[in-house]
């Protein structure tokens, strides 16, 4: 199978929208690991867009990608896989 050519133009905008919607559906299903992965892919593609292309993405999707999801998946949050539990909730 030949490698895919990089997306451009409307196809790139459409793919960004698709990935954001997919990440939101994972978010709604409480599947945080899958949501985090899709969000990172969508954000990487989003950052390659020009200003005009970013304006073609619906505002609700842009807001979710850039602001709301940053609250939960930003760099300031603990990375997944940390299974350490606090002593406060343990029974003795």
Protein backbone atom coordinates (compact mmCIF):
# COMPACT_ATOMS: atom_id res chain seq x y z
CA UNK A 1 0.00 0.00 0.00
CA UNK A 2 1.57 3.32 -1.00
CA UNK A 3 1.95 5.98 1.69
CA UNK A 4 -0.88 8.49 1.78
CA UNK A 5 -0.17 11.93 0.44
CA UNK A 6 -0.53 14.67 3.04
CA UNK A 7 -3.97 16.19 3.21
CA UNK A 8 -4.44 19.69 1.86
CA UNK A 9 -7.16 22.27 1.52
CA UNK A 10 -10.73 21.24 2.24
CA UNK A 11 -9.74 17.63 2.89
CA UNK A 12 -7.44 18.76 5.70
CA UNK A 13 -10.15 20.93 7.26
CA UNK A 14 -12.62 18.06 7.00
CA UNK A 15 -10.17 15.65 8.66
CA UNK A 16 -9.55 18.07 11.55
CA UNK A 17 -13.31 18.38 12.10
CA UNK A 18 -13.71 14.60 11.96
CA UNK A 19 -10.97 14.04 14.53
CA UNK A 20 -12.36 16.68 16.90
CA UNK A 21 -15.82 15.13 16.67
CA UNK A 22 -14.36 11.69 17.30
CA UNK A 23 -12.46 12.97 20.34
CA UNK A 24 -15.66 14.56 21.66
CA UNK A 25 -17.56 11.29 21.21
CA UNK A 26 -14.85 9.50 23.20
CA UNK A 27 -15.10 12.25 25.81
CA UNK A 28 -18.87 11.79 26.07
CA UNK A 29 -18.33 8.02 26.46
CA UNK A 30 -15.83 8.65 29.30
CA UNK A 31 -13.06 6.98 27.30
CA UNK A 32 -10.33 9.39 28.33
CA UNK A 33 -7.35 7.54 26.90
CA UNK A 34 -8.85 7.38 23.41
CA UNK A 35 -10.06 10.96 23.72
CA UNK A 36 -6.58 12.15 24.65
CA UNK A 37 -5.04 10.39 21.63
CA UNK A 38 -7.57 11.74 19.15
CA UNK A 39 -7.36 15.22 20.64
CA UNK A 40 -3.58 15.24 20.23
CA UNK A 41 -3.88 14.13 16.59
CA UNK A 42 -6.56 16.74 15.91
CA UNK A 43 -4.51 19.46 17.59
CA UNK A 44 -1.41 18.54 15.56
CA UNK A 45 -3.41 18.83 12.34
CA UNK A 46 -5.16 21.99 13.55
CA UNK A 47 -1.81 23.68 14.14
CA UNK A 48 -0.88 23.12 10.46
CA UNK A 49 -3.92 25.06 9.22
CA UNK A 50 -3.78 28.62 7.94
CA UNK A 51 -5.91 31.34 9.56
CA UNK A 52 -8.48 31.08 6.76
CA UNK A 53 -8.71 27.30 7.15
CA UNK A 54 -9.12 27.60 10.93
CA UNK A 55 -12.05 29.96 10.33
CA UNK A 56 -13.76 27.20 8.31
CA UNK A 57 -13.91 24.92 11.37
CA UNK A 58 -17.15 25.39 13.35
CA UNK A 59 -16.66 27.53 16.44
CA UNK A 60 -18.02 24.88 18.82
CA UNK A 61 -15.33 22.45 17.67
CA UNK A 62 -12.58 25.05 17.96
CA UNK A 63 -13.68 26.03 21.45
CA UNK A 64 -13.75 22.42 22.62
CA UNK A 65 -10.34 21.66 21.12
CA UNK A 66 -8.49 24.75 22.29
CA UNK A 67 -10.06 25.64 25.62
CA UNK A 68 -12.40 23.16 27.25
CA UNK A 69 -10.33 20.09 26.55
CA UNK A 70 -7.15 21.95 27.56
CA UNK A 71 -8.62 22.19 31.05
CA UNK A 72 -8.70 18.40 31.32
CA UNK A 73 -5.83 17.29 29.07
CA UNK A 74 -3.38 20.17 29.34
CA UNK A 75 0.28 19.85 30.28
CA UNK A 76 -0.52 20.85 33.86
CA UNK A 77 -2.52 17.61 34.35
CA UNK A 78 -1.11 14.32 35.61
CA UNK A 79 -0.23 12.01 32.73
CA UNK A 80 -2.21 8.77 32.37
CA UNK A 81 -0.79 5.60 33.84
CA UNK A 82 -0.04 6.98 37.31
CA UNK A 83 -1.72 4.41 39.55
CA UNK A 84 -0.51 5.85 42.85
CA UNK A 85 -3.32 6.32 45.37
CA UNK A 86 -3.45 8.89 48.08
CA UNK A 87 -3.27 7.83 51.73
CA UNK A 88 -6.32 9.92 52.52
CA UNK A 89 -8.83 7.46 51.00
CA UNK A 90 -7.37 4.24 52.37
CA UNK A 91 -8.98 2.20 55.10
CA UNK A 92 -6.80 0.81 57.86
